[in-house]
Amino acid sequence: MEERGHDDLAERGLRYTREHFDEILSQTETYVRENPAQSLAYAVLAGFVLNRLGIGRILRGVVRLALFALKPAILIYGAAKLYEAAQEEE
């Protein structure tokens, strides 16, 4: 029963995040439609700064690491769910 509470909490957190992400995305889209030239200038400036700071390389490395770790994480998650299902059957 306690695990169910954690699942509900995780689902609520995910739902909350999705709702706010959609809101931020909508506001950003509206701003870009109203100010296309200024938005493009900001994007170019941000790209230039990220390129100069080397953050782009850091972010690429983090993404590669996350993708590399994703397969074992999915395997572990699946094994944990199988174990839980086996425990519930007993």
PDB file of N, CA and C in Angstrom:
ATOM      1  N   MET A   1       0.818  -1.179   0.000  1.00  0.00           N
ATOM      2  CA  MET A   1       0.000   0.000   0.000  1.00  0.00           C
ATOM      3  C   MET A   1       0.873   1.258   0.000  1.00  0.00           C
ATOM      4  N   GLU A   2       1.995   1.206   0.705  1.00  0.00           N
ATOM      5  CA  GLU A   2       2.886   2.353   0.780  1.00  0.00           C
ATOM      6  C   GLU A   2       3.477   2.676  -0.594  1.00  0.00           C
ATOM      7  N   GLU A   3       3.797   1.646  -1.383  1.00  0.00           N
ATOM      8  CA  GLU A   3       4.360   1.865  -2.706  1.00  0.00           C
ATOM      9  C   GLU A   3       3.357   2.576  -3.596  1.00  0.00           C
ATOM     10  N   ARG A   4       2.097   2.295  -3.401  1.00  0.00           N
ATOM     11  CA  ARG A   4       1.052   2.926  -4.206  1.00  0.00           C
ATOM     12  C   ARG A   4       1.052   4.435  -3.968  1.00  0.00           C
ATOM     13  N   GLY A   5       1.275   4.853  -2.726  1.00  0.00           N
ATOM     14  CA  GLY A   5       1.347   6.267  -2.414  1.00  0.00           C
ATOM     15  C   GLY A   5       2.496   6.944  -3.136  1.00  0.00           C
ATOM     16  N   HIS A   6       3.633   6.235  -3.243  1.00  0.00           N
ATOM     17  CA  HIS A   6       4.782   6.785  -3.961  1.00  0.00           C
ATOM     18  C   HIS A   6       4.472   6.893  -5.443  1.00  0.00           C
ATOM     19  N   ASP A   7       3.773   5.885  -5.989  1.00  0.00           N
ATOM     20  CA  ASP A   7       3.397   5.941  -7.397  1.00  0.00           C
ATOM     21  C   ASP A   7       2.481   7.126  -7.661  1.00  0.00           C
ATOM     22  N   ASP A   8       1.519   7.358  -6.776  1.00  0.00           N
ATOM     23  CA  ASP A   8       0.601   8.476  -6.946  1.00  0.00           C
ATOM     24  C   ASP A   8       1.358   9.805  -6.873  1.00  0.00           C
ATOM     25  N   LEU A   9       2.290   9.901  -5.952  1.00  0.00           N
ATOM     26  CA  LEU A   9       3.085  11.113  -5.811  1.00  0.00           C
ATOM     27  C   LEU A   9       3.915  11.351  -7.074  1.00  0.00           C
ATOM     28  N   ALA A  10       4.514  10.296  -7.604  1.00  0.00           N
ATOM     29  CA  ALA A  10       5.312  10.426  -8.821  1.00  0.00           C
ATOM     30  C   ALA A  10       4.433  10.828 -10.001  1.00  0.00           C
ATOM     31  N   GLU A  11       3.265  10.230 -10.102  1.00  0.00           N
ATOM     32  CA  GLU A  11       2.353  10.572 -11.194  1.00  0.00           C
ATOM     33  C   GLU A  11       1.882  12.013 -11.092  1.00  0.00           C
ATOM     34  N   ARG A  12       1.578  12.462  -9.875  1.00  0.00           N
ATOM     35  CA  ARG A  12       1.152  13.852  -9.688  1.00  0.00           C
ATOM     36  C   ARG A  12       2.278  14.813 -10.040  1.00  0.00           C
ATOM     37  N   GLY A  13       3.497  14.479  -9.630  1.00  0.00           N
ATOM     38  CA  GLY A  13       4.644  15.326  -9.961  1.00  0.00           C
ATOM     39  C   GLY A  13       4.879  15.408 -11.457  1.00  0.00           C
ATOM     40  N   LEU A  14       4.749  14.277 -12.139  1.00  0.00           N
ATOM     41  CA  LEU A  14       4.916  14.251 -13.590  1.00  0.00           C
ATOM     42  C   LEU A  14       3.827  15.075 -14.264  1.00  0.00           C
ATOM     43  N   ARG A  15       2.606  14.926 -13.810  1.00  0.00           N
ATOM     44  CA  ARG A  15       1.489  15.684 -14.378  1.00  0.00           C
ATOM     45  C   ARG A  15       1.705  17.189 -14.169  1.00  0.00           C
ATOM     46  N   TYR A  16       2.124  17.584 -12.975  1.00  0.00           N
ATOM     47  CA  TYR A  16       2.387  18.991 -12.659  1.00  0.00           C
ATOM     48  C   TYR A  16       3.473  19.552 -13.575  1.00  0.00           C
ATOM     49  N   THR A  17       4.532  18.779 -13.767  1.00  0.00           N
ATOM     50  CA  THR A  17       5.638  19.204 -14.622  1.00  0.00           C
ATOM     51  C   THR A  17       5.173  19.360 -16.064  1.00  0.00           C
ATOM     52  N   ARG A  18       4.406  18.400 -16.549  1.00  0.00           N
ATOM     53  CA  ARG A  18       3.896  18.485 -17.921  1.00  0.00           C
ATOM     54  C   ARG A  18       3.022  19.716 -18.118  1.00  0.00           C
ATOM     55  N   GLU A  19       2.150  19.974 -17.154  1.00  0.00           N
ATOM     56  CA  GLU A  19       1.257  21.132 -17.273  1.00  0.00           C
ATOM     57  C   GLU A  19       2.048  22.427 -17.343  1.00  0.00           C
ATOM     58  N   HIS A  20       3.037  22.581 -16.501  1.00  0.00           N
ATOM     59  CA  HIS A  20       3.824  23.815 -16.510  1.00  0.00           C
ATOM     60  C   HIS A  20       4.727  23.895 -17.723  1.00  0.00           C
ATOM     61  N   PHE A  21       5.255  22.772 -18.167  1.00  0.00           N
ATOM     62  CA  PHE A  21       6.095  22.769 -19.364  1.00  0.00           C
ATOM     63  C   PHE A  21       5.278  23.219 -20.563  1.00  0.00           C
ATOM     64  N   ASP A  22       4.069  22.708 -20.695  1.00  0.00           N
ATOM     65  CA  ASP A  22       3.201  23.109 -21.801  1.00  0.00           C
ATOM     66  C   ASP A  22       2.884  24.601 -21.731  1.00  0.00           C
ATOM     67  N   GLU A  23       2.691  25.121 -20.521  1.00  0.00           N
ATOM     68  CA  GLU A  23       2.401  26.542 -20.340  1.00  0.00           C
ATOM     69  C   GLU A  23       3.599  27.394 -20.761  1.00  0.00           C
ATOM     70  N   ILE A  24       4.780  27.014 -20.332  1.00  0.00           N
ATOM     71  CA  ILE A  24       6.001  27.755 -20.683  1.00  0.00           C
ATOM     72  C   ILE A  24       6.242  27.676 -22.190  1.00  0.00           C
ATOM     73  N   LEU A  25       6.045  26.502 -22.760  1.00  0.00           N
ATOM     74  CA  LEU A  25       6.215  26.331 -24.194  1.00  0.00           C
ATOM     75  C   LEU A  25       5.235  27.206 -24.961  1.00  0.00           C
ATOM     76  N   SER A  26       4.006  27.279 -24.493  1.00  0.00           N
ATOM     77  CA  SER A  26       2.991  28.110 -25.134  1.00  0.00           C
ATOM     78  C   SER A  26       3.367  29.591 -25.052  1.00  0.00           C
ATOM     79  N   GLN A  27       3.831  30.041 -23.892  1.00  0.00           N
ATOM     80  CA  GLN A  27       4.240  31.441 -23.733  1.00  0.00           C
ATOM     81  C   GLN A  27       5.433  31.767 -24.628  1.00  0.00           C
ATOM     82  N   THR A  28       6.374  30.836 -24.717  1.00  0.00           N
ATOM     83  CA  THR A  28       7.539  31.038 -25.565  1.00  0.00           C
ATOM     84  C   THR A  28       7.125  31.133 -27.025  1.00  0.00           C
ATOM     85  N   GLU A  29       6.240  30.243 -27.439  1.00  0.00           N
ATOM     86  CA  GLU A  29       5.760  30.259 -28.817  1.00  0.00           C
ATOM     87  C   GLU A  29       5.059  31.580 -29.141  1.00  0.00           C
ATOM     88  N   THR A  30       4.254  32.060 -28.223  1.00  0.00           N
ATOM     89  CA  THR A  30       3.568  33.340 -28.417  1.00  0.00           C
ATOM     90  C   THR A  30       4.572  34.478 -28.551  1.00  0.00           C
ATOM     91  N   TYR A  31       5.580  34.498 -27.695  1.00  0.00           N
ATOM     92  CA  TYR A  31       6.592  35.551 -27.743  1.00  0.00           C
ATOM     93  C   TYR A  31       7.341  35.513 -29.074  1.00  0.00           C
ATOM     94  N   VAL A  32       7.706  34.314 -29.518  1.00  0.00           N
ATOM     95  CA  VAL A  32       8.465  34.189 -30.768  1.00  0.00           C
ATOM     96  C   VAL A  32       7.614  34.647 -31.945  1.00  0.00           C
ATOM     97  N   ARG A  33       6.331  34.313 -31.937  1.00  0.00           N
ATOM     98  CA  ARG A  33       5.447  34.748 -33.032  1.00  0.00           C
ATOM     99  C   ARG A  33       5.290  36.271 -33.048  1.00  0.00           C
ATOM    100  N   GLU A  34       5.260  36.886 -31.877  1.00  0.00           N
ATOM    101  CA  GLU A  34       5.086  38.338 -31.802  1.00  0.00           C
ATOM    102  C   GLU A  34       6.385  39.100 -32.073  1.00  0.00           C
ATOM    103  N   ASN A  35       7.532  38.494 -31.772  1.00  0.00           N
ATOM    104  CA  ASN A  35       8.842  39.154 -31.922  1.00  0.00           C
ATOM    105  C   ASN A  35       9.834  38.231 -32.637  1.00  0.00           C
ATOM    106  N   PRO A  36       9.606  37.921 -33.913  1.00  0.00           N
ATOM    107  CA  PRO A  36      10.477  36.941 -34.581  1.00  0.00           C
ATOM    108  C   PRO A  36      11.930  37.392 -34.737  1.00  0.00           C
ATOM    109  N   ALA A  37      12.146  38.652 -35.090  1.00  0.00           N
ATOM    110  CA  ALA A  37      13.521  39.117 -35.307  1.00  0.00           C
ATOM    111  C   ALA A  37      14.302  39.139 -33.994  1.00  0.00           C
ATOM    112  N   GLN A  38      13.668  39.641 -32.950  1.00  0.00           N
ATOM    113  CA  GLN A  38      14.327  39.699 -31.645  1.00  0.00           C
ATOM    114  C   GLN A  38      14.600  38.285 -31.124  1.00  0.00           C
ATOM    115  N   SER A  39      13.659  37.371 -31.325  1.00  0.00           N
ATOM    116  CA  SER A  39      13.834  35.984 -30.880  1.00  0.00           C
ATOM    117  C   SER A  39      14.993  35.324 -31.609  1.00  0.00           C
ATOM    118  N   LEU A  40      15.097  35.581 -32.904  1.00  0.00           N
ATOM    119  CA  LEU A  40      16.195  35.024 -33.687  1.00  0.00           C
ATOM    120  C   LEU A  40      17.532  35.573 -33.202  1.00  0.00           C
ATOM    121  N   ALA A  41      17.568  36.858 -32.908  1.00  0.00           N
ATOM    122  CA  ALA A  41      18.800  37.465 -32.398  1.00  0.00           C
ATOM    123  C   ALA A  41      19.198  36.840 -31.062  1.00  0.00           C
ATOM    124  N   TYR A  42      18.206  36.634 -30.183  1.00  0.00           N
ATOM    125  CA  TYR A  42      18.495  35.993 -28.893  1.00  0.00           C
ATOM    126  C   TYR A  42      19.028  34.574 -29.091  1.00  0.00           C
ATOM    127  N   ALA A  43      18.430  33.847 -30.017  1.00  0.00           N
ATOM    128  CA  ALA A  43      18.861  32.468 -30.268  1.00  0.00           C
ATOM    129  C   ALA A  43      20.293  32.419 -30.790  1.00  0.00           C
ATOM    130  N   VAL A  44      20.613  33.318 -31.721  1.00  0.00           N
ATOM    131  CA  VAL A  44      21.982  33.374 -32.259  1.00  0.00           C
ATOM    132  C   VAL A  44      22.962  33.749 -31.161  1.00  0.00           C
ATOM    133  N   LEU A  45      22.608  34.738 -30.363  1.00  0.00           N
ATOM    134  CA  LEU A  45      23.479  35.164 -29.258  1.00  0.00           C
ATOM    135  C   LEU A  45      23.687  34.027 -28.252  1.00  0.00           C
ATOM    136  N   ALA A  46      22.615  33.340 -27.900  1.00  0.00           N
ATOM    137  CA  ALA A  46      22.722  32.225 -26.951  1.00  0.00           C
ATOM    138  C   ALA A  46      23.601  31.116 -27.524  1.00  0.00           C
ATOM    139  N   GLY A  47      23.427  30.807 -28.806  1.00  0.00           N
ATOM    140  CA  GLY A  47      24.266  29.794 -29.446  1.00  0.00           C
ATOM    141  C   GLY A  47      25.728  30.177 -29.447  1.00  0.00           C
ATOM    142  N   PHE A  48      25.997  31.452 -29.739  1.00  0.00           N
ATOM    143  CA  PHE A  48      27.375  31.931 -29.742  1.00  0.00           C
ATOM    144  C   PHE A  48      27.995  31.826 -28.353  1.00  0.00           C
ATOM    145  N   VAL A  49      27.259  32.269 -27.340  1.00  0.00           N
ATOM    146  CA  VAL A  49      27.768  32.227 -25.965  1.00  0.00           C
ATOM    147  C   VAL A  49      28.009  30.776 -25.528  1.00  0.00           C
ATOM    148  N   LEU A  50      27.046  29.903 -25.802  1.00  0.00           N
ATOM    149  CA  LEU A  50      27.217  28.497 -25.418  1.00  0.00           C
ATOM    150  C   LEU A  50      28.409  27.873 -26.136  1.00  0.00           C
ATOM    151  N   ASN A  51      28.611  28.235 -27.382  1.00  0.00           N
ATOM    152  CA  ASN A  51      29.746  27.708 -28.135  1.00  0.00           C
ATOM    153  C   ASN A  51      31.061  28.204 -27.543  1.00  0.00           C
ATOM    154  N   ARG A  52      31.117  29.464 -27.175  1.00  0.00           N
ATOM    155  CA  ARG A  52      32.338  30.040 -26.612  1.00  0.00           C
ATOM    156  C   ARG A  52      32.643  29.499 -25.216  1.00  0.00           C
ATOM    157  N   LEU A  53      31.644  29.255 -24.440  1.00  0.00           N
ATOM    158  CA  LEU A  53      31.868  28.781 -23.077  1.00  0.00           C
ATOM    159  C   LEU A  53      32.187  27.289 -23.017  1.00  0.00           C
ATOM    160  N   GLY A  54      31.972  26.604 -24.108  1.00  0.00           N
ATOM    161  CA  GLY A  54      32.214  25.165 -24.105  1.00  0.00           C
ATOM    162  C   GLY A  54      31.075  24.381 -23.473  1.00  0.00           C
ATOM    163  N   ILE A  55      29.999  25.073 -23.154  1.00  0.00           N
ATOM    164  CA  ILE A  55      28.861  24.388 -22.540  1.00  0.00           C
ATOM    165  C   ILE A  55      28.236  23.409 -23.519  1.00  0.00           C
ATOM    166  N   GLY A  56      28.303  23.742 -24.792  1.00  0.00           N
ATOM    167  CA  GLY A  56      27.763  22.832 -25.809  1.00  0.00           C
ATOM    168  C   GLY A  56      28.417  21.469 -25.739  1.00  0.00           C
ATOM    169  N   ARG A  57      29.738  21.463 -25.582  1.00  0.00           N
ATOM    170  CA  ARG A  57      30.460  20.185 -25.463  1.00  0.00           C
ATOM    171  C   ARG A  57      30.068  19.447 -24.189  1.00  0.00           C
ATOM    172  N   ILE A  58      29.906  20.215 -23.125  1.00  0.00           N
ATOM    173  CA  ILE A  58      29.510  19.607 -21.851  1.00  0.00           C
ATOM    174  C   ILE A  58      28.120  18.999 -21.975  1.00  0.00           C
ATOM    175  N   LEU A  59      27.188  19.747 -22.576  1.00  0.00           N
ATOM    176  CA  LEU A  59      25.835  19.233 -22.750  1.00  0.00           C
ATOM    177  C   LEU A  59      25.807  18.008 -23.652  1.00  0.00           C
ATOM    178  N   ARG A  60      26.598  18.020 -24.724  1.00  0.00           N
ATOM    179  CA  ARG A  60      26.668  16.835 -25.598  1.00  0.00           C
ATOM    180  C   ARG A  60      27.185  15.635 -24.816  1.00  0.00           C
ATOM    181  N   GLY A  61      28.187  15.864 -23.978  1.00  0.00           N
ATOM    182  CA  GLY A  61      28.716  14.769 -23.165  1.00  0.00           C
ATOM    183  C   GLY A  61      27.685  14.234 -22.184  1.00  0.00           C
ATOM    184  N   VAL A  62      26.923  15.129 -21.577  1.00  0.00           N
ATOM    185  CA  VAL A  62      25.879  14.710 -20.638  1.00  0.00           C
ATOM    186  C   VAL A  62      24.807  13.912 -21.361  1.00  0.00           C
ATOM    187  N   VAL A  63      24.415  14.368 -22.550  1.00  0.00           N
ATOM    188  CA  VAL A  63      23.398  13.637 -23.322  1.00  0.00           C
ATOM    189  C   VAL A  63      23.916  12.260 -23.707  1.00  0.00           C
ATOM    190  N   ARG A  64      25.149  12.180 -24.163  1.00  0.00           N
ATOM    191  CA  ARG A  64      25.722  10.873 -24.514  1.00  0.00           C
ATOM    192  C   ARG A  64      25.762   9.947 -23.300  1.00  0.00           C
ATOM    193  N   LEU A  65      26.162  10.488 -22.160  1.00  0.00           N
ATOM    194  CA  LEU A  65      26.212   9.689 -20.937  1.00  0.00           C
ATOM    195  C   LEU A  65      24.814   9.216 -20.535  1.00  0.00           C
ATOM    196  N   ALA A  66      23.831  10.106 -20.647  1.00  0.00           N
ATOM    197  CA  ALA A  66      22.449   9.736 -20.301  1.00  0.00           C
ATOM    198  C   ALA A  66      21.939   8.642 -21.224  1.00  0.00           C
ATOM    199  N   LEU A  67      22.207   8.760 -22.518  1.00  0.00           N
ATOM    200  CA  LEU A  67      21.765   7.727 -23.454  1.00  0.00           C
ATOM    201  C   LEU A  67      22.484   6.405 -23.190  1.00  0.00           C
ATOM    202  N   PHE A  68      23.758   6.487 -22.829  1.00  0.00           N
ATOM    203  CA  PHE A  68      24.525   5.282 -22.516  1.00  0.00           C
ATOM    204  C   PHE A  68      23.971   4.591 -21.269  1.00  0.00           C
ATOM    205  N   ALA A  69      23.547   5.383 -20.290  1.00  0.00           N
ATOM    206  CA  ALA A  69      23.036   4.838 -19.029  1.00  0.00           C
ATOM    207  C   ALA A  69      21.571   4.435 -19.121  1.00  0.00           C
ATOM    208  N   LEU A  70      20.886   4.842 -20.175  1.00  0.00           N
ATOM    209  CA  LEU A  70      19.457   4.571 -20.290  1.00  0.00           C
ATOM    210  C   LEU A  70      19.155   3.079 -20.400  1.00  0.00           C
ATOM    211  N   LYS A  71      19.923   2.356 -21.199  1.00  0.00           N
ATOM    212  CA  LYS A  71      19.665   0.929 -21.386  1.00  0.00           C
ATOM    213  C   LYS A  71      19.762   0.144 -20.075  1.00  0.00           C
ATOM    214  N   PRO A  72      20.844   0.292 -19.304  1.00  0.00           N
ATOM    215  CA  PRO A  72      20.890  -0.431 -18.029  1.00  0.00           C
ATOM    216  C   PRO A  72      19.791   0.015 -17.066  1.00  0.00           C
ATOM    217  N   ALA A  73      19.443   1.296 -17.100  1.00  0.00           N
ATOM    218  CA  ALA A  73      18.394   1.793 -16.208  1.00  0.00           C
ATOM    219  C   ALA A  73      17.061   1.142 -16.547  1.00  0.00           C
ATOM    220  N   ILE A  74      16.761   1.016 -17.823  1.00  0.00           N
ATOM    221  CA  ILE A  74      15.514   0.361 -18.235  1.00  0.00           C
ATOM    222  C   ILE A  74      15.530  -1.105 -17.828  1.00  0.00           C
ATOM    223  N   LEU A  75      16.665  -1.748 -17.974  1.00  0.00           N
ATOM    224  CA  LEU A  75      16.786  -3.153 -17.580  1.00  0.00           C
ATOM    225  C   LEU A  75      16.558  -3.320 -16.082  1.00  0.00           C
ATOM    226  N   ILE A  76      17.151  -2.469 -15.293  1.00  0.00           N
ATOM    227  CA  ILE A  76      16.988  -2.536 -13.834  1.00  0.00           C
ATOM    228  C   ILE A  76      15.541  -2.248 -13.446  1.00  0.00           C
ATOM    229  N   TYR A  77      14.929  -1.265 -14.092  1.00  0.00           N
ATOM    230  CA  TYR A  77      13.532  -0.941 -13.812  1.00  0.00           C
ATOM    231  C   TYR A  77      12.621  -2.127 -14.141  1.00  0.00           C
ATOM    232  N   GLY A  78      12.857  -2.751 -15.280  1.00  0.00           N
ATOM    233  CA  GLY A  78      12.064  -3.921 -15.663  1.00  0.00           C
ATOM    234  C   GLY A  78      12.244  -5.065 -14.689  1.00  0.00           C
ATOM    235  N   ALA A  79      13.472  -5.306 -14.253  1.00  0.00           N
ATOM    236  CA  ALA A  79      13.729  -6.368 -13.286  1.00  0.00           C
ATOM    237  C   ALA A  79      13.031  -6.082 -11.963  1.00  0.00           C
ATOM    238  N   ALA A  80      13.037  -4.831 -11.538  1.00  0.00           N
ATOM    239  CA  ALA A  80      12.364  -4.462 -10.290  1.00  0.00           C
ATOM    240  C   ALA A  80      10.857  -4.672 -10.403  1.00  0.00           C
ATOM    241  N   LYS A  81      10.282  -4.336 -11.544  1.00  0.00           N
ATOM    242  CA  LYS A  81       8.841  -4.538 -11.747  1.00  0.00           C
ATOM    243  C   LYS A  81       8.502  -6.021 -11.776  1.00  0.00           C
ATOM    244  N   LEU A  82       9.349  -6.825 -12.395  1.00  0.00           N
ATOM    245  CA  LEU A  82       9.132  -8.288 -12.391  1.00  0.00           C
ATOM    246  C   LEU A  82       9.188  -8.836 -10.981  1.00  0.00           C
ATOM    247  N   TYR A  83      10.148  -8.345 -10.194  1.00  0.00           N
ATOM    248  CA  TYR A  83      10.276  -8.791  -8.816  1.00  0.00           C
ATOM    249  C   TYR A  83       9.041  -8.405  -8.016  1.00  0.00           C
ATOM    250  N   GLU A  84       8.551  -7.175  -8.205  1.00  0.00           N
ATOM    251  CA  GLU A  84       7.345  -6.733  -7.504  1.00  0.00           C
ATOM    252  C   GLU A  84       6.136  -7.592  -7.882  1.00  0.00           C
ATOM    253  N   ALA A  85       6.026  -7.908  -9.179  1.00  0.00           N
ATOM    254  CA  ALA A  85       4.909  -8.724  -9.643  1.00  0.00           C
ATOM    255  C   ALA A  85       4.983 -10.128  -9.040  1.00  0.00           C
ATOM    256  N   ALA A  86       6.201 -10.653  -8.957  1.00  0.00           N
ATOM    257  CA  ALA A  86       6.378 -11.979  -8.367  1.00  0.00           C
ATOM    258  C   ALA A  86       6.017 -11.971  -6.873  1.00  0.00           C
ATOM    259  N   GLN A  87       6.365 -10.893  -6.181  1.00  0.00           N
ATOM    260  CA  GLN A  87       6.060 -10.786  -4.754  1.00  0.00           C
ATOM    261  C   GLN A  87       4.551 -10.656  -4.534  1.00  0.00           C
ATOM    262  N   GLU A  88       3.867  -9.960  -5.407  1.00  0.00           N
ATOM    263  CA  GLU A  88       2.413  -9.798  -5.277  1.00  0.00           C
ATOM    264  C   GLU A  88       1.679 -11.111  -5.512  1.00  0.00           C
ATOM    265  N   GLU A  89       2.203 -11.960  -6.390  1.00  0.00           N
ATOM    266  CA  GLU A  89       1.557 -13.249  -6.683  1.00  0.00           C
ATOM    267  C   GLU A  89       1.650 -14.197  -5.504  1.00  0.00           C
ATOM    268  N   GLU A  90       2.699 -14.052  -4.704  1.00  0.00           N
ATOM    269  CA  GLU A  90       2.870 -14.949  -3.538  1.00  0.00           C
ATOM    270  C   GLU A  90       2.051 -14.536  -2.417  1.00  0.00           C
TER     271      GLU A  90
END
